[in-house]
Amino acid sequence: MDAIGWQKRRLALDDIAELRGESEETWVVMERSEQERLLDEGIQQLAPRDKLFVKLHFERGYSVEEIAETMQLTTQNIYTLKHRVVQRIKDYVENVS
């Protein structure tokens, strides 16, 4: 008598939504929520100066020039800081997910 074993099979999110009868919008909301959670976690991992930049630029909408003046740095330094902050957050999200 042969034993019947379970096979692991990955299903695409689209397939699961169809199986449950859920709309695509539900999955979009869930995915967006997960992305926001990962971004928040990534930001929390940043150094205080980097968090300040994120707060000023992305939350309050300050321009690079305004941030440079506020943080007493050159605009070139702020552009470099922006690039590094974005890269650090991307790296965090990629390594966690």
C-alpha atoms as a PDB file:
ATOM      1  CA  MET A   1       0.000   0.000   0.000  1.00  0.00           C
ATOM      2  CA  ASP A   2       1.448   3.357  -1.067  1.00  0.00           C
ATOM      3  CA  ALA A   3       1.307   6.300   1.270  1.00  0.00           C
ATOM      4  CA  ILE A   4      -0.154   9.479  -0.069  1.00  0.00           C
ATOM      5  CA  GLY A   5       1.997  12.483   0.726  1.00  0.00           C
ATOM      6  CA  TRP A   6       1.332  16.186   0.617  1.00  0.00           C
ATOM      7  CA  GLN A   7       2.975  18.200  -2.073  1.00  0.00           C
ATOM      8  CA  LYS A   8       3.967  21.758  -1.359  1.00  0.00           C
ATOM      9  CA  ARG A   9       2.785  24.055  -4.079  1.00  0.00           C
ATOM     10  CA  ARG A  10       2.968  27.803  -4.142  1.00  0.00           C
ATOM     11  CA  LEU A  11      -0.090  29.617  -5.351  1.00  0.00           C
ATOM     12  CA  ALA A  12      -0.068  33.041  -6.901  1.00  0.00           C
ATOM     13  CA  LEU A  13      -1.979  35.705  -4.998  1.00  0.00           C
ATOM     14  CA  ASP A  14      -4.341  35.992  -7.960  1.00  0.00           C
ATOM     15  CA  ASP A  15      -5.225  32.294  -7.656  1.00  0.00           C
ATOM     16  CA  ILE A  16      -5.883  32.587  -3.938  1.00  0.00           C
ATOM     17  CA  ALA A  17      -8.164  35.587  -4.435  1.00  0.00           C
ATOM     18  CA  GLU A  18     -10.193  33.626  -6.972  1.00  0.00           C
ATOM     19  CA  LEU A  19     -10.430  30.638  -4.645  1.00  0.00           C
ATOM     20  CA  ARG A  20     -11.761  32.759  -1.824  1.00  0.00           C
ATOM     21  CA  GLY A  21     -14.007  34.842  -4.029  1.00  0.00           C
ATOM     22  CA  GLU A  22     -12.300  38.007  -2.858  1.00  0.00           C
ATOM     23  CA  SER A  23     -11.906  40.981  -5.103  1.00  0.00           C
ATOM     24  CA  GLU A  24      -8.587  42.196  -6.435  1.00  0.00           C
ATOM     25  CA  GLU A  25      -9.078  45.404  -4.460  1.00  0.00           C
ATOM     26  CA  THR A  26      -8.752  43.477  -1.203  1.00  0.00           C
ATOM     27  CA  TRP A  27      -5.319  42.227  -2.231  1.00  0.00           C
ATOM     28  CA  VAL A  28      -4.228  45.677  -3.364  1.00  0.00           C
ATOM     29  CA  VAL A  29      -5.167  47.134   0.030  1.00  0.00           C
ATOM     30  CA  MET A  30      -3.381  44.322   1.860  1.00  0.00           C
ATOM     31  CA  GLU A  31      -0.254  44.707  -0.257  1.00  0.00           C
ATOM     32  CA  ARG A  32      -0.215  48.476   0.204  1.00  0.00           C
ATOM     33  CA  SER A  33      -0.612  48.029   3.962  1.00  0.00           C
ATOM     34  CA  GLU A  34       2.314  45.594   4.030  1.00  0.00           C
ATOM     35  CA  GLN A  35       4.465  47.979   1.999  1.00  0.00           C
ATOM     36  CA  GLU A  36       3.686  50.829   4.396  1.00  0.00           C
ATOM     37  CA  ARG A  37       4.585  48.636   7.375  1.00  0.00           C
ATOM     38  CA  LEU A  38       7.923  47.705   5.800  1.00  0.00           C
ATOM     39  CA  LEU A  39       8.683  51.342   4.979  1.00  0.00           C
ATOM     40  CA  ASP A  40       7.908  52.390   8.548  1.00  0.00           C
ATOM     41  CA  GLU A  41      10.167  49.641   9.900  1.00  0.00           C
ATOM     42  CA  GLY A  42      12.926  50.666   7.485  1.00  0.00           C
ATOM     43  CA  ILE A  43      12.677  54.280   8.583  1.00  0.00           C
ATOM     44  CA  GLN A  44      12.875  53.260  12.237  1.00  0.00           C
ATOM     45  CA  GLN A  45      16.205  51.542  11.477  1.00  0.00           C
ATOM     46  CA  LEU A  46      17.758  54.809  10.255  1.00  0.00           C
ATOM     47  CA  ALA A  47      20.149  57.022  12.181  1.00  0.00           C
ATOM     48  CA  PRO A  48      18.600  60.118  13.826  1.00  0.00           C
ATOM     49  CA  ARG A  49      19.946  62.483  11.143  1.00  0.00           C
ATOM     50  CA  ASP A  50      18.477  60.297   8.405  1.00  0.00           C
ATOM     51  CA  LYS A  51      15.119  60.162  10.203  1.00  0.00           C
ATOM     52  CA  LEU A  52      15.148  63.956  10.406  1.00  0.00           C
ATOM     53  CA  PHE A  53      15.716  64.154   6.671  1.00  0.00           C
ATOM     54  CA  VAL A  54      12.804  61.767   6.015  1.00  0.00           C
ATOM     55  CA  LYS A  55      10.536  63.772   8.284  1.00  0.00           C
ATOM     56  CA  LEU A  56      11.431  67.107   6.692  1.00  0.00           C
ATOM     57  CA  HIS A  57      11.432  65.994   3.068  1.00  0.00           C
ATOM     58  CA  PHE A  58       8.813  63.282   2.787  1.00  0.00           C
ATOM     59  CA  GLU A  59       6.420  64.129   5.611  1.00  0.00           C
ATOM     60  CA  ARG A  60       6.596  67.928   5.674  1.00  0.00           C
ATOM     61  CA  GLY A  61       7.478  68.493   2.029  1.00  0.00           C
ATOM     62  CA  TYR A  62      10.566  70.654   2.537  1.00  0.00           C
ATOM     63  CA  SER A  63      12.717  71.219  -0.527  1.00  0.00           C
ATOM     64  CA  VAL A  64      16.334  70.101  -0.603  1.00  0.00           C
ATOM     65  CA  GLU A  65      17.408  73.733  -0.255  1.00  0.00           C
ATOM     66  CA  GLU A  66      15.196  74.233   2.823  1.00  0.00           C
ATOM     67  CA  ILE A  67      16.545  71.063   4.407  1.00  0.00           C
ATOM     68  CA  ALA A  68      20.131  72.136   3.687  1.00  0.00           C
ATOM     69  CA  GLU A  69      19.513  75.410   5.470  1.00  0.00           C
ATOM     70  CA  THR A  70      17.719  73.747   8.395  1.00  0.00           C
ATOM     71  CA  MET A  71      20.356  71.040   8.857  1.00  0.00           C
ATOM     72  CA  GLN A  72      23.233  73.458   8.096  1.00  0.00           C
ATOM     73  CA  LEU A  73      24.565  71.328   5.237  1.00  0.00           C
ATOM     74  CA  THR A  74      25.193  72.015   1.578  1.00  0.00           C
ATOM     75  CA  THR A  75      22.531  71.106  -0.962  1.00  0.00           C
ATOM     76  CA  GLN A  76      24.958  68.582  -2.469  1.00  0.00           C
ATOM     77  CA  ASN A  77      25.277  66.900   0.942  1.00  0.00           C
ATOM     78  CA  ILE A  78      21.497  66.735   1.199  1.00  0.00           C
ATOM     79  CA  TYR A  79      21.215  65.132  -2.249  1.00  0.00           C
ATOM     80  CA  THR A  80      23.825  62.581  -1.166  1.00  0.00           C
ATOM     81  CA  LEU A  81      21.976  62.024   2.113  1.00  0.00           C
ATOM     82  CA  LYS A  82      18.706  61.546   0.210  1.00  0.00           C
ATOM     83  CA  HIS A  83      20.262  58.964  -2.091  1.00  0.00           C
ATOM     84  CA  ARG A  84      21.761  57.030   0.826  1.00  0.00           C
ATOM     85  CA  VAL A  85      18.561  57.145   2.890  1.00  0.00           C
ATOM     86  CA  VAL A  86      16.462  55.844   0.018  1.00  0.00           C
ATOM     87  CA  GLN A  87      19.010  53.093  -0.647  1.00  0.00           C
ATOM     88  CA  ARG A  88      19.094  52.065   3.025  1.00  0.00           C
ATOM     89  CA  ILE A  89      15.308  51.807   3.133  1.00  0.00           C
ATOM     90  CA  LYS A  90      15.263  49.797  -0.114  1.00  0.00           C
ATOM     91  CA  ASP A  91      17.935  47.454   1.228  1.00  0.00           C
ATOM     92  CA  TYR A  92      15.979  46.942   4.442  1.00  0.00           C
ATOM     93  CA  VAL A  93      12.743  46.158   2.606  1.00  0.00           C
ATOM     94  CA  GLU A  94      14.475  43.754   0.219  1.00  0.00           C
ATOM     95  CA  ASN A  95      16.234  41.900   3.048  1.00  0.00           C
ATOM     96  CA  VAL A  96      13.119  41.595   5.212  1.00  0.00           C
ATOM     97  CA  SER A  97      10.658  40.520   2.546  1.00  0.00           C
END
